[in-house]
Amino acid sequence: LKQELEQRHRERLRMEEDLNQQCTDLASVRSELGLLEAKYTAESRLRVKCELELADKVRWLASLEADLTRERRLNLEASQVVETVTRERDEFEKEAADLRLDLGEKETRLSTYRHT
């Protein structure tokens, strides 16, 4: 009977140790779970923040692309105006040169006519 009591006592001590170890393990797991939950929450907030920033940048990019398209169109229109003005100036200069030449010829004839 004494041996049986001692054996049960040892068994009870071993079970108490196991229970204490399990309680310690459970506390450790709960602590780790708390840390993981905090990390998950922080990462979720960061992801939402990044997604909002990305959406803002996508809108900004679309606005820049629209501005670039508008500026390219205006540049093309300005280039066409410059080409037209340059062509008209060249025509005007040619016409002015022709008129100067014609005037010179007429002045020469007039001078010749006056001397005769």
C-alpha atoms as a PDB file:
ATOM      1  CA  LEU A   1       0.000   0.000   0.000  1.00  0.00           C
ATOM      2  CA  LYS A   2       2.849   2.334   0.895  1.00  0.00           C
ATOM      3  CA  GLN A   3       4.510   1.713  -2.478  1.00  0.00           C
ATOM      4  CA  GLU A   4       1.258   2.335  -4.251  1.00  0.00           C
ATOM      5  CA  LEU A   5       0.822   5.643  -2.401  1.00  0.00           C
ATOM      6  CA  GLU A   6       4.370   6.663  -3.241  1.00  0.00           C
ATOM      7  CA  GLN A   7       3.827   5.712  -6.832  1.00  0.00           C
ATOM      8  CA  ARG A   8       0.585   7.710  -6.966  1.00  0.00           C
ATOM      9  CA  HIS A   9       2.327  10.624  -5.290  1.00  0.00           C
ATOM     10  CA  ARG A  10       5.119  10.544  -7.915  1.00  0.00           C
ATOM     11  CA  GLU A  11       2.493  10.249 -10.632  1.00  0.00           C
ATOM     12  CA  ARG A  12       0.645  13.240  -9.171  1.00  0.00           C
ATOM     13  CA  LEU A  13       3.889  15.303  -9.050  1.00  0.00           C
ATOM     14  CA  ARG A  14       4.692  14.356 -12.643  1.00  0.00           C
ATOM     15  CA  MET A  15       1.179  15.341 -13.718  1.00  0.00           C
ATOM     16  CA  GLU A  16       1.496  18.658 -11.872  1.00  0.00           C
ATOM     17  CA  GLU A  17       4.798  19.296 -13.667  1.00  0.00           C
ATOM     18  CA  ASP A  18       3.166  18.436 -16.976  1.00  0.00           C
ATOM     19  CA  LEU A  19       0.271  20.759 -16.151  1.00  0.00           C
ATOM     20  CA  ASN A  20       2.665  23.576 -15.213  1.00  0.00           C
ATOM     21  CA  GLN A  21       4.644  23.005 -18.417  1.00  0.00           C
ATOM     22  CA  GLN A  22       1.458  23.064 -20.462  1.00  0.00           C
ATOM     23  CA  CYS A  23       0.372  26.288 -18.735  1.00  0.00           C
ATOM     24  CA  THR A  24       3.759  27.819 -19.520  1.00  0.00           C
ATOM     25  CA  ASP A  25       3.521  26.628 -23.122  1.00  0.00           C
ATOM     26  CA  LEU A  26      -0.021  28.009 -23.381  1.00  0.00           C
ATOM     27  CA  ALA A  27       1.100  31.397 -22.038  1.00  0.00           C
ATOM     28  CA  SER A  28       3.955  31.409 -24.552  1.00  0.00           C
ATOM     29  CA  VAL A  29       1.601  30.520 -27.396  1.00  0.00           C
ATOM     30  CA  ARG A  30      -0.859  33.229 -26.300  1.00  0.00           C
ATOM     31  CA  SER A  31       1.961  35.758 -26.155  1.00  0.00           C
ATOM     32  CA  GLU A  32       3.174  34.762 -29.601  1.00  0.00           C
ATOM     33  CA  LEU A  33      -0.404  34.894 -30.884  1.00  0.00           C
ATOM     34  CA  GLY A  34      -0.757  38.429 -29.519  1.00  0.00           C
ATOM     35  CA  LEU A  35       2.443  39.470 -31.275  1.00  0.00           C
ATOM     36  CA  LEU A  36       1.321  37.864 -34.535  1.00  0.00           C
ATOM     37  CA  GLU A  37      -2.096  39.549 -34.305  1.00  0.00           C
ATOM     38  CA  ALA A  38      -0.415  42.924 -33.715  1.00  0.00           C
ATOM     39  CA  LYS A  39       1.922  42.314 -36.640  1.00  0.00           C
ATOM     40  CA  TYR A  40      -0.990  41.244 -38.878  1.00  0.00           C
ATOM     41  CA  THR A  41      -2.966  44.344 -37.900  1.00  0.00           C
ATOM     42  CA  ALA A  42       0.015  46.614 -38.590  1.00  0.00           C
ATOM     43  CA  GLU A  43       0.643  44.945 -41.945  1.00  0.00           C
ATOM     44  CA  SER A  44      -3.048  45.220 -42.850  1.00  0.00           C
ATOM     45  CA  ARG A  45      -3.021  48.943 -42.045  1.00  0.00           C
ATOM     46  CA  LEU A  46       0.155  49.395 -44.040  1.00  0.00           C
ATOM     47  CA  ARG A  47      -1.353  47.488 -46.992  1.00  0.00           C
ATOM     48  CA  VAL A  48      -4.468  49.685 -46.931  1.00  0.00           C
ATOM     49  CA  LYS A  49      -2.282  52.810 -46.738  1.00  0.00           C
ATOM     50  CA  CYS A  50      -0.156  51.577 -49.670  1.00  0.00           C
ATOM     51  CA  GLU A  51      -3.247  50.748 -51.720  1.00  0.00           C
ATOM     52  CA  LEU A  52      -4.618  54.263 -51.114  1.00  0.00           C
ATOM     53  CA  GLU A  53      -1.268  55.791 -52.080  1.00  0.00           C
ATOM     54  CA  LEU A  54      -1.199  53.630 -55.202  1.00  0.00           C
ATOM     55  CA  ALA A  55      -4.720  54.757 -56.138  1.00  0.00           C
ATOM     56  CA  ASP A  56      -3.643  58.393 -55.674  1.00  0.00           C
ATOM     57  CA  LYS A  57      -0.564  57.823 -57.847  1.00  0.00           C
ATOM     58  CA  VAL A  58      -2.644  56.097 -60.530  1.00  0.00           C
ATOM     59  CA  ARG A  59      -5.026  59.105 -60.601  1.00  0.00           C
ATOM     60  CA  TRP A  60      -2.031  61.469 -60.695  1.00  0.00           C
ATOM     61  CA  LEU A  61      -0.477  59.469 -63.543  1.00  0.00           C
ATOM     62  CA  ALA A  62      -3.746  59.571 -65.498  1.00  0.00           C
ATOM     63  CA  SER A  63      -3.877  63.332 -65.002  1.00  0.00           C
ATOM     64  CA  LEU A  64      -0.257  63.688 -66.175  1.00  0.00           C
ATOM     65  CA  GLU A  65      -0.960  61.536 -69.222  1.00  0.00           C
ATOM     66  CA  ALA A  66      -3.994  63.703 -70.070  1.00  0.00           C
ATOM     67  CA  ASP A  67      -1.867  66.845 -69.650  1.00  0.00           C
ATOM     68  CA  LEU A  68       0.868  65.339 -71.838  1.00  0.00           C
ATOM     69  CA  THR A  69      -1.649  64.451 -74.541  1.00  0.00           C
ATOM     70  CA  ARG A  70      -3.077  67.990 -74.433  1.00  0.00           C
ATOM     71  CA  GLU A  71       0.424  69.524 -74.574  1.00  0.00           C
ATOM     72  CA  ARG A  72       1.390  67.299 -77.501  1.00  0.00           C
ATOM     73  CA  ARG A  73      -1.752  68.379 -79.360  1.00  0.00           C
ATOM     74  CA  LEU A  74      -1.010  72.057 -78.629  1.00  0.00           C
ATOM     75  CA  ASN A  75       2.610  71.547 -79.719  1.00  0.00           C
ATOM     76  CA  LEU A  76       1.459  69.970 -82.973  1.00  0.00           C
ATOM     77  CA  GLU A  77      -0.952  72.856 -83.574  1.00  0.00           C
ATOM     78  CA  ALA A  78       1.805  75.392 -82.810  1.00  0.00           C
ATOM     79  CA  SER A  79       4.185  73.562 -85.184  1.00  0.00           C
ATOM     80  CA  GLN A  80       1.556  73.726 -87.919  1.00  0.00           C
ATOM     81  CA  VAL A  81       1.080  77.459 -87.308  1.00  0.00           C
ATOM     82  CA  VAL A  82       4.863  77.986 -87.435  1.00  0.00           C
ATOM     83  CA  GLU A  83       5.045  76.064 -90.721  1.00  0.00           C
ATOM     84  CA  THR A  84       2.201  78.125 -92.191  1.00  0.00           C
ATOM     85  CA  VAL A  85       3.718  81.422 -91.044  1.00  0.00           C
ATOM     86  CA  THR A  86       7.160  80.406 -92.324  1.00  0.00           C
ATOM     87  CA  ARG A  87       5.727  79.411 -95.703  1.00  0.00           C
ATOM     88  CA  GLU A  88       3.746  82.671 -95.946  1.00  0.00           C
ATOM     89  CA  ARG A  89       6.844  84.704 -94.917  1.00  0.00           C
ATOM     90  CA  ASP A  90       8.913  82.953 -97.584  1.00  0.00           C
ATOM     91  CA  GLU A  91       6.231  83.709-100.173  1.00  0.00           C
ATOM     92  CA  PHE A  92       6.054  87.331 -98.996  1.00  0.00           C
ATOM     93  CA  GLU A  93       9.844  87.705 -99.154  1.00  0.00           C
ATOM     94  CA  LYS A  94       9.884  86.222-102.668  1.00  0.00           C
ATOM     95  CA  GLU A  95       7.086  88.555-103.731  1.00  0.00           C
ATOM     96  CA  ALA A  96       8.921  91.529-102.129  1.00  0.00           C
ATOM     97  CA  ALA A  97      12.137  90.553-103.927  1.00  0.00           C
ATOM     98  CA  ASP A  98      10.235  90.298-107.227  1.00  0.00           C
ATOM     99  CA  LEU A  99       8.648  93.697-106.599  1.00  0.00           C
ATOM    100  CA  ARG A 100      12.050  95.259-105.755  1.00  0.00           C
ATOM    101  CA  LEU A 101      13.481  93.774-108.943  1.00  0.00           C
ATOM    102  CA  ASP A 102      10.526  95.052-110.955  1.00  0.00           C
ATOM    103  CA  LEU A 103      10.859  98.479-109.281  1.00  0.00           C
ATOM    104  CA  GLY A 104      14.568  98.546-110.074  1.00  0.00           C
ATOM    105  CA  GLU A 105      13.856  97.744-113.712  1.00  0.00           C
ATOM    106  CA  LYS A 106      11.178 100.443-113.878  1.00  0.00           C
ATOM    107  CA  GLU A 107      13.462 103.000-112.209  1.00  0.00           C
ATOM    108  CA  THR A 108      16.181 102.122-114.734  1.00  0.00           C
ATOM    109  CA  ARG A 109      13.739 102.565-117.616  1.00  0.00           C
ATOM    110  CA  LEU A 110      12.451 105.786-116.123  1.00  0.00           C
ATOM    111  CA  SER A 111      15.986 107.054-115.703  1.00  0.00           C
ATOM    112  CA  THR A 112      16.740 106.090-119.293  1.00  0.00           C
ATOM    113  CA  TYR A 113      13.550 107.752-120.512  1.00  0.00           C
ATOM    114  CA  ARG A 114      14.351 110.970-118.646  1.00  0.00           C
ATOM    115  CA  HIS A 115      17.801 111.145-120.178  1.00  0.00           C
ATOM    116  CA  THR A 116      16.550 110.846-123.682  1.00  0.00           C
END
